[in-house]
Amino acid sequence: MVEDKNNSNDMAESQSNEPSLDQIFDPETPRMARWVIKYSGGIVKDERQASYVLIGFVVLAIIFSLFMFFNQNKTPDVRLEDFKNREQFIP
């Protein structure tokens, strides 16, 4: 019976050696930062680096949005002479 108690203690110790998410991350770490750290493949190691990655993503998204917004009116001009049936376009 003494051996059974020791075996159950060994199992509890082996399970407690694996860190849970609460032990890895500070409870006050934002979820987005946790997500970046978790899915970065080991590149992002702490909350500060995750914050920089998120800020960089936001900056890139804003630049892309501004590029799309200001570039939308720069479509190539199409001349009326280029159409075969141009009578349909003349009022």
Protein backbone atom coordinates (compact mmCIF):
# COMPACT_ATOMS: atom_id res chain seq x y z
CA MET A 1 0.00 0.00 0.00
CA VAL A 2 2.90 2.32 0.63
CA GLU A 3 4.11 1.72 -2.91
CA ASP A 4 0.71 2.70 -4.33
CA LYS A 5 0.88 6.07 -2.60
CA ASN A 6 4.40 6.65 -3.94
CA ASN A 7 3.32 5.77 -7.49
CA SER A 8 0.40 8.17 -7.32
CA ASN A 9 2.72 10.90 -6.02
CA ASP A 10 5.16 10.24 -8.87
CA MET A 11 2.35 10.57 -11.39
CA ALA A 12 1.19 13.83 -9.83
CA GLU A 13 4.75 15.19 -9.89
CA SER A 14 5.27 14.22 -13.54
CA GLN A 15 2.02 15.94 -14.51
CA SER A 16 2.91 19.05 -12.52
CA ASN A 17 6.28 19.34 -14.32
CA GLU A 18 4.48 20.29 -17.54
CA PRO A 19 3.77 24.02 -17.40
CA SER A 20 0.24 25.17 -18.01
CA LEU A 21 -0.62 28.30 -19.97
CA ASP A 22 -1.18 30.18 -16.71
CA GLN A 23 2.36 29.33 -15.60
CA ILE A 24 3.91 30.33 -18.94
CA PHE A 25 2.14 33.68 -19.28
CA ASP A 26 1.59 36.40 -16.76
CA PRO A 27 -2.16 36.54 -16.08
CA GLU A 28 -2.15 40.21 -17.10
CA THR A 29 -0.62 39.52 -20.53
CA PRO A 30 -3.17 40.50 -23.19
CA ARG A 31 -4.67 37.66 -25.22
CA MET A 32 -3.41 39.07 -28.52
CA ALA A 33 0.14 39.08 -27.16
CA ARG A 34 -0.30 35.51 -25.89
CA TRP A 35 -1.55 34.48 -29.33
CA VAL A 36 1.45 36.07 -31.06
CA ILE A 37 3.89 34.40 -28.67
CA LYS A 38 2.18 31.03 -29.01
CA TYR A 39 1.95 30.96 -32.82
CA SER A 40 5.23 32.70 -33.68
CA GLY A 41 7.12 29.43 -33.64
CA GLY A 42 9.53 30.61 -30.96
CA ILE A 43 10.54 33.82 -32.72
CA VAL A 44 8.64 36.07 -30.30
CA LYS A 45 9.73 35.30 -26.77
CA ASP A 46 8.04 37.83 -24.47
CA GLU A 47 5.21 40.34 -24.19
CA ARG A 48 7.36 43.29 -25.26
CA GLN A 49 8.34 41.60 -28.54
CA ALA A 50 4.72 40.59 -29.11
CA SER A 51 3.68 44.22 -28.67
CA TYR A 52 6.22 45.30 -31.28
CA VAL A 53 4.94 42.66 -33.70
CA LEU A 54 1.35 43.82 -33.21
CA ILE A 55 2.31 47.49 -33.66
CA GLY A 56 4.19 46.59 -36.83
CA PHE A 57 1.15 44.74 -38.14
CA VAL A 58 -1.08 47.74 -37.46
CA VAL A 59 1.36 50.10 -39.19
CA LEU A 60 1.50 47.83 -42.25
CA ALA A 61 -2.30 47.57 -42.33
CA ILE A 62 -2.63 51.37 -42.20
CA ILE A 63 -0.03 51.85 -44.97
CA PHE A 64 -1.78 49.26 -47.13
CA SER A 65 -5.17 50.91 -46.52
CA LEU A 66 -3.83 54.36 -47.40
CA PHE A 67 -2.18 52.99 -50.53
CA MET A 68 -5.43 51.40 -51.65
CA PHE A 69 -7.45 54.52 -50.81
CA PHE A 70 -5.23 57.00 -52.64
CA ASN A 71 -4.51 54.67 -55.54
CA GLN A 72 -8.13 53.92 -56.41
CA ASN A 73 -8.58 56.87 -58.80
CA LYS A 74 -5.52 56.10 -60.89
CA THR A 75 -7.19 53.83 -63.38
CA PRO A 76 -5.88 54.02 -66.91
CA ASP A 77 -7.78 56.35 -69.21
CA VAL A 78 -9.64 54.55 -71.97
CA ARG A 79 -10.10 56.49 -75.15
CA LEU A 80 -13.39 56.38 -76.98
CA GLU A 81 -11.55 55.54 -80.19
CA ASP A 82 -10.41 52.21 -78.73
CA PHE A 83 -13.93 50.76 -78.80
CA LYS A 84 -15.21 49.05 -81.91
CA ASN A 85 -18.82 50.00 -81.30
CA ARG A 86 -18.34 53.52 -79.96
CA GLU A 87 -21.80 54.72 -81.02
CA GLN A 88 -23.29 53.11 -77.92
CA PHE A 89 -21.18 55.40 -75.71
CA ILE A 90 -22.09 58.67 -77.44
CA PRO A 91 -25.19 60.32 -75.97
